[in-house]
Amino acid sequence: MQHLISQIGHTATAELVNMWQKEAPKRLECIGREFHSGNHDKVRQEAHALRGACSVFGLSEATEACRNIEETVKNGKPVELPQLLELTQALQNAAAFLRASVHG
């Protein structure tokens, strides 16, 4: 996170964090909705987009949870509820980390 701040500044980083904090819950909600409707390709697409957003901040736990969901779908298997719970927890941890990093 400090590397990002040094590259683009605290204000721009804070703006990116605010954007992430608005978009990540929406993507997680979409993942859950598509999971329940059985649209695993859409789950994979949303997990991929969320993985990219998480990797910008070095959120390794959330990035890995997204990658696991992507790989499951790519391997032709259905995503399972424990994977979604893991992603949810990882995103909660990430949000707390980002708040602390930007707002002290």
N, C-alpha and C. Protein backbone atom coordinates (compact mmCIF):
# COMPACT_ATOMS: atom_id res chain seq x y z
N MET A 1 0.82 -1.18 0.00
CA MET A 1 0.00 0.00 0.00
C MET A 1 0.87 1.25 0.00
N GLN A 2 1.93 1.23 0.76
CA GLN A 2 2.82 2.38 0.80
C GLN A 2 3.45 2.64 -0.57
N HIS A 3 3.71 1.57 -1.30
CA HIS A 3 4.26 1.73 -2.65
C HIS A 3 3.27 2.47 -3.54
N LEU A 4 2.01 2.11 -3.44
CA LEU A 4 0.99 2.78 -4.24
C LEU A 4 0.89 4.25 -3.85
N ILE A 5 0.90 4.52 -2.56
CA ILE A 5 0.84 5.91 -2.09
C ILE A 5 2.04 6.70 -2.61
N SER A 6 3.21 6.07 -2.58
CA SER A 6 4.40 6.78 -3.06
C SER A 6 4.36 7.02 -4.57
N GLN A 7 3.65 6.17 -5.29
CA GLN A 7 3.56 6.30 -6.74
C GLN A 7 2.53 7.35 -7.18
N ILE A 8 1.36 7.34 -6.54
CA ILE A 8 0.28 8.21 -7.02
C ILE A 8 -0.18 9.23 -5.98
N GLY A 9 0.33 9.14 -4.78
CA GLY A 9 -0.03 10.10 -3.74
C GLY A 9 -1.16 9.61 -2.86
N HIS A 10 -1.24 10.21 -1.70
CA HIS A 10 -2.24 9.80 -0.70
C HIS A 10 -3.66 10.08 -1.17
N THR A 11 -3.88 11.24 -1.78
CA THR A 11 -5.23 11.63 -2.21
C THR A 11 -5.75 10.68 -3.29
N ALA A 12 -4.94 10.40 -4.28
CA ALA A 12 -5.37 9.50 -5.36
C ALA A 12 -5.58 8.09 -4.82
N THR A 13 -4.72 7.66 -3.91
CA THR A 13 -4.89 6.34 -3.31
C THR A 13 -6.19 6.28 -2.53
N ALA A 14 -6.48 7.32 -1.77
CA ALA A 14 -7.73 7.37 -1.01
C ALA A 14 -8.94 7.31 -1.94
N GLU A 15 -8.86 7.98 -3.08
CA GLU A 15 -9.95 7.94 -4.05
C GLU A 15 -10.13 6.53 -4.61
N LEU A 16 -9.02 5.85 -4.91
CA LEU A 16 -9.11 4.46 -5.38
C LEU A 16 -9.70 3.55 -4.32
N VAL A 17 -9.30 3.76 -3.07
CA VAL A 17 -9.84 2.95 -1.97
C VAL A 17 -11.35 3.19 -1.85
N ASN A 18 -11.77 4.44 -1.93
CA ASN A 18 -13.21 4.73 -1.86
C ASN A 18 -13.97 4.06 -2.99
N MET A 19 -13.39 4.06 -4.19
CA MET A 19 -14.01 3.39 -5.32
C MET A 19 -14.09 1.88 -5.06
N TRP A 20 -13.01 1.31 -4.55
CA TRP A 20 -12.99 -0.13 -4.24
C TRP A 20 -14.07 -0.44 -3.21
N GLN A 21 -14.19 0.40 -2.18
CA GLN A 21 -15.16 0.15 -1.12
C GLN A 21 -16.60 0.24 -1.61
N LYS A 22 -16.84 0.94 -2.69
CA LYS A 22 -18.18 1.00 -3.28
C LYS A 22 -18.41 -0.19 -4.22
N GLU A 23 -17.38 -0.54 -4.98
CA GLU A 23 -17.54 -1.56 -6.02
C GLU A 23 -17.42 -3.00 -5.50
N ALA A 24 -16.55 -3.25 -4.56
CA ALA A 24 -16.33 -4.62 -4.08
C ALA A 24 -17.62 -5.24 -3.54
N PRO A 25 -18.39 -4.54 -2.69
CA PRO A 25 -19.64 -5.15 -2.22
C PRO A 25 -20.64 -5.42 -3.35
N LYS A 26 -20.66 -4.55 -4.35
CA LYS A 26 -21.56 -4.77 -5.49
C LYS A 26 -21.15 -6.02 -6.26
N ARG A 27 -19.86 -6.19 -6.45
CA ARG A 27 -19.38 -7.38 -7.17
C ARG A 27 -19.65 -8.64 -6.36
N LEU A 28 -19.44 -8.56 -5.04
CA LEU A 28 -19.72 -9.71 -4.19
C LEU A 28 -21.20 -10.07 -4.23
N GLU A 29 -22.05 -9.06 -4.21
CA GLU A 29 -23.49 -9.30 -4.30
C GLU A 29 -23.84 -9.97 -5.63
N CYS A 30 -23.23 -9.49 -6.71
CA CYS A 30 -23.47 -10.09 -8.03
C CYS A 30 -22.98 -11.54 -8.05
N ILE A 31 -21.82 -11.78 -7.46
CA ILE A 31 -21.30 -13.15 -7.41
C ILE A 31 -22.29 -14.05 -6.68
N GLY A 32 -22.80 -13.58 -5.55
CA GLY A 32 -23.77 -14.38 -4.79
C GLY A 32 -25.05 -14.63 -5.57
N ARG A 33 -25.54 -13.60 -6.21
CA ARG A 33 -26.78 -13.72 -7.00
C ARG A 33 -26.59 -14.72 -8.15
N GLU A 34 -25.48 -14.58 -8.87
CA GLU A 34 -25.23 -15.48 -10.01
C GLU A 34 -24.92 -16.90 -9.54
N PHE A 35 -24.29 -17.03 -8.38
CA PHE A 35 -24.06 -18.35 -7.79
C PHE A 35 -25.39 -19.06 -7.57
N HIS A 36 -26.35 -18.34 -6.97
CA HIS A 36 -27.65 -18.94 -6.67
C HIS A 36 -28.46 -19.23 -7.93
N SER A 37 -28.21 -18.48 -9.00
CA SER A 37 -28.94 -18.75 -10.24
C SER A 37 -28.21 -19.77 -11.12
N GLY A 38 -27.02 -20.18 -10.69
CA GLY A 38 -26.28 -21.20 -11.43
C GLY A 38 -25.48 -20.67 -12.61
N ASN A 39 -25.30 -19.37 -12.70
CA ASN A 39 -24.56 -18.77 -13.80
C ASN A 39 -23.07 -18.69 -13.43
N HIS A 40 -22.40 -19.81 -13.51
CA HIS A 40 -21.02 -19.89 -13.04
C HIS A 40 -20.05 -19.09 -13.90
N ASP A 41 -20.35 -18.92 -15.17
CA ASP A 41 -19.46 -18.11 -16.00
C ASP A 41 -19.49 -16.66 -15.55
N LYS A 42 -20.65 -16.15 -15.18
CA LYS A 42 -20.75 -14.78 -14.67
C LYS A 42 -20.05 -14.68 -13.31
N VAL A 43 -20.14 -15.71 -12.50
CA VAL A 43 -19.42 -15.75 -11.23
C VAL A 43 -17.93 -15.62 -11.50
N ARG A 44 -17.44 -16.36 -12.48
CA ARG A 44 -16.02 -16.30 -12.83
C ARG A 44 -15.63 -14.90 -13.30
N GLN A 45 -16.45 -14.31 -14.15
CA GLN A 45 -16.16 -12.97 -14.67
C GLN A 45 -16.08 -11.94 -13.55
N GLU A 46 -17.03 -11.98 -12.65
CA GLU A 46 -17.04 -11.02 -11.54
C GLU A 46 -15.87 -11.27 -10.59
N ALA A 47 -15.56 -12.53 -10.36
CA ALA A 47 -14.41 -12.85 -9.50
C ALA A 47 -13.11 -12.36 -10.14
N HIS A 48 -13.03 -12.48 -11.44
CA HIS A 48 -11.84 -12.02 -12.15
C HIS A 48 -11.69 -10.50 -12.01
N ALA A 49 -12.77 -9.77 -12.22
CA ALA A 49 -12.72 -8.31 -12.09
C ALA A 49 -12.39 -7.90 -10.66
N LEU A 50 -12.97 -8.59 -9.71
CA LEU A 50 -12.70 -8.28 -8.31
C LEU A 50 -11.26 -8.63 -7.94
N ARG A 51 -10.76 -9.70 -8.50
CA ARG A 51 -9.35 -10.08 -8.25
C ARG A 51 -8.42 -8.97 -8.70
N GLY A 52 -8.66 -8.41 -9.87
CA GLY A 52 -7.83 -7.32 -10.37
C GLY A 52 -7.87 -6.11 -9.45
N ALA A 53 -9.06 -5.77 -8.98
CA ALA A 53 -9.21 -4.63 -8.08
C ALA A 53 -8.49 -4.87 -6.75
N CYS A 54 -8.53 -6.09 -6.27
CA CYS A 54 -7.86 -6.43 -5.01
C CYS A 54 -6.34 -6.44 -5.17
N SER A 55 -5.88 -6.90 -6.31
CA SER A 55 -4.44 -7.00 -6.50
C SER A 55 -3.76 -5.64 -6.58
N VAL A 56 -4.50 -4.60 -7.01
CA VAL A 56 -3.95 -3.24 -7.06
C VAL A 56 -3.44 -2.82 -5.68
N PHE A 57 -4.14 -3.25 -4.65
CA PHE A 57 -3.79 -2.86 -3.28
C PHE A 57 -2.97 -3.92 -2.55
N GLY A 58 -2.63 -5.00 -3.23
CA GLY A 58 -1.85 -6.06 -2.59
C GLY A 58 -2.66 -6.84 -1.58
N LEU A 59 -3.95 -6.97 -1.80
CA LEU A 59 -4.83 -7.70 -0.89
C LEU A 59 -4.78 -9.19 -1.22
N SER A 60 -3.73 -9.83 -0.74
CA SER A 60 -3.43 -11.19 -1.17
C SER A 60 -4.51 -12.20 -0.78
N GLU A 61 -5.09 -12.08 0.41
CA GLU A 61 -6.13 -13.02 0.83
C GLU A 61 -7.35 -12.94 -0.09
N ALA A 62 -7.80 -11.73 -0.38
CA ALA A 62 -8.95 -11.55 -1.25
C ALA A 62 -8.62 -11.93 -2.70
N THR A 63 -7.42 -11.57 -3.14
CA THR A 63 -6.99 -11.92 -4.49
C THR A 63 -6.99 -13.44 -4.66
N GLU A 64 -6.47 -14.14 -3.66
CA GLU A 64 -6.41 -15.61 -3.73
C GLU A 64 -7.81 -16.23 -3.70
N ALA A 65 -8.71 -15.68 -2.90
CA ALA A 65 -10.08 -16.20 -2.85
C ALA A 65 -10.76 -16.04 -4.20
N CYS A 66 -10.54 -14.90 -4.84
CA CYS A 66 -11.09 -14.69 -6.20
C CYS A 66 -10.48 -15.67 -7.19
N ARG A 67 -9.17 -15.85 -7.11
CA ARG A 67 -8.49 -16.76 -8.02
C ARG A 67 -9.03 -18.19 -7.85
N ASN A 68 -9.28 -18.60 -6.63
CA ASN A 68 -9.82 -19.94 -6.37
C ASN A 68 -11.17 -20.13 -7.05
N ILE A 69 -12.01 -19.10 -6.98
CA ILE A 69 -13.32 -19.18 -7.62
C ILE A 69 -13.16 -19.25 -9.14
N GLU A 70 -12.29 -18.41 -9.68
CA GLU A 70 -12.04 -18.44 -11.13
C GLU A 70 -11.58 -19.82 -11.58
N GLU A 71 -10.61 -20.36 -10.87
CA GLU A 71 -10.04 -21.66 -11.25
C GLU A 71 -11.07 -22.78 -11.16
N THR A 72 -11.92 -22.72 -10.15
CA THR A 72 -12.96 -23.74 -10.01
C THR A 72 -13.85 -23.76 -11.25
N VAL A 73 -14.29 -22.58 -11.68
CA VAL A 73 -15.17 -22.49 -12.85
C VAL A 73 -14.41 -22.90 -14.11
N LYS A 74 -13.17 -22.44 -14.24
CA LYS A 74 -12.38 -22.80 -15.43
C LYS A 74 -12.20 -24.31 -15.53
N ASN A 75 -12.15 -24.99 -14.39
CA ASN A 75 -11.98 -26.44 -14.38
C ASN A 75 -13.31 -27.18 -14.53
N GLY A 76 -14.37 -26.43 -14.82
CA GLY A 76 -15.67 -27.05 -15.08
C GLY A 76 -16.41 -27.52 -13.84
N LYS A 77 -16.01 -27.03 -12.68
CA LYS A 77 -16.67 -27.43 -11.44
C LYS A 77 -17.54 -26.29 -10.94
N PRO A 78 -18.59 -26.63 -10.20
CA PRO A 78 -19.41 -25.56 -9.63
C PRO A 78 -18.74 -24.92 -8.42
N VAL A 79 -18.93 -23.65 -8.26
CA VAL A 79 -18.45 -22.95 -7.09
C VAL A 79 -19.28 -23.42 -5.90
N GLU A 80 -18.63 -23.58 -4.77
CA GLU A 80 -19.34 -24.05 -3.59
C GLU A 80 -19.45 -22.94 -2.55
N LEU A 81 -20.44 -23.06 -1.69
CA LEU A 81 -20.72 -22.05 -0.69
C LEU A 81 -19.50 -21.71 0.18
N PRO A 82 -18.69 -22.67 0.63
CA PRO A 82 -17.52 -22.30 1.42
C PRO A 82 -16.56 -21.34 0.70
N GLN A 83 -16.49 -21.45 -0.61
CA GLN A 83 -15.65 -20.53 -1.37
C GLN A 83 -16.20 -19.10 -1.30
N LEU A 84 -17.51 -18.98 -1.34
CA LEU A 84 -18.13 -17.66 -1.24
C LEU A 84 -17.95 -17.08 0.16
N LEU A 85 -18.05 -17.93 1.16
CA LEU A 85 -17.84 -17.47 2.53
C LEU A 85 -16.39 -17.03 2.74
N GLU A 86 -15.46 -17.76 2.15
CA GLU A 86 -14.05 -17.39 2.22
C GLU A 86 -13.83 -16.03 1.56
N LEU A 87 -14.44 -15.82 0.41
CA LEU A 87 -14.31 -14.54 -0.29
C LEU A 87 -14.93 -13.42 0.53
N THR A 88 -16.09 -13.66 1.10
CA THR A 88 -16.75 -12.65 1.91
C THR A 88 -15.86 -12.23 3.08
N GLN A 89 -15.30 -13.20 3.78
CA GLN A 89 -14.42 -12.89 4.91
C GLN A 89 -13.17 -12.15 4.45
N ALA A 90 -12.60 -12.58 3.35
CA ALA A 90 -11.39 -11.93 2.83
C ALA A 90 -11.68 -10.48 2.46
N LEU A 91 -12.85 -10.21 1.90
CA LEU A 91 -13.20 -8.84 1.53
C LEU A 91 -13.46 -7.98 2.77
N GLN A 92 -14.03 -8.57 3.80
CA GLN A 92 -14.22 -7.83 5.05
C GLN A 92 -12.87 -7.46 5.65
N ASN A 93 -11.94 -8.41 5.64
CA ASN A 93 -10.59 -8.14 6.14
C ASN A 93 -9.90 -7.06 5.30
N ALA A 94 -10.08 -7.15 3.98
CA ALA A 94 -9.47 -6.18 3.07
C ALA A 94 -10.02 -4.78 3.32
N ALA A 95 -11.33 -4.68 3.50
CA ALA A 95 -11.94 -3.37 3.74
C ALA A 95 -11.40 -2.74 5.02
N ALA A 96 -11.26 -3.54 6.06
CA ALA A 96 -10.71 -3.03 7.33
C ALA A 96 -9.27 -2.57 7.14
N PHE A 97 -8.49 -3.36 6.42
CA PHE A 97 -7.09 -3.00 6.16
C PHE A 97 -7.00 -1.69 5.37
N LEU A 98 -7.81 -1.56 4.34
CA LEU A 98 -7.77 -0.35 3.52
C LEU A 98 -8.19 0.88 4.30
N ARG A 99 -9.24 0.73 5.11
CA ARG A 99 -9.65 1.88 5.95
C ARG A 99 -8.51 2.32 6.86
N ALA A 100 -7.87 1.37 7.50
CA ALA A 100 -6.78 1.69 8.41
C ALA A 100 -5.59 2.28 7.67
N SER A 101 -5.32 1.80 6.48
CA SER A 101 -4.18 2.27 5.71
C SER A 101 -4.35 3.69 5.20
N VAL A 102 -5.55 4.04 4.85
CA VAL A 102 -5.80 5.35 4.26
C VAL A 102 -6.18 6.39 5.32
N HIS A 103 -6.94 5.95 6.29
CA HIS A 103 -7.45 6.91 7.27
C HIS A 103 -6.70 6.88 8.59
N GLY A 104 -5.70 6.02 8.68
CA GLY A 104 -4.87 5.98 9.88
C GLY A 104 -5.53 5.32 10.97
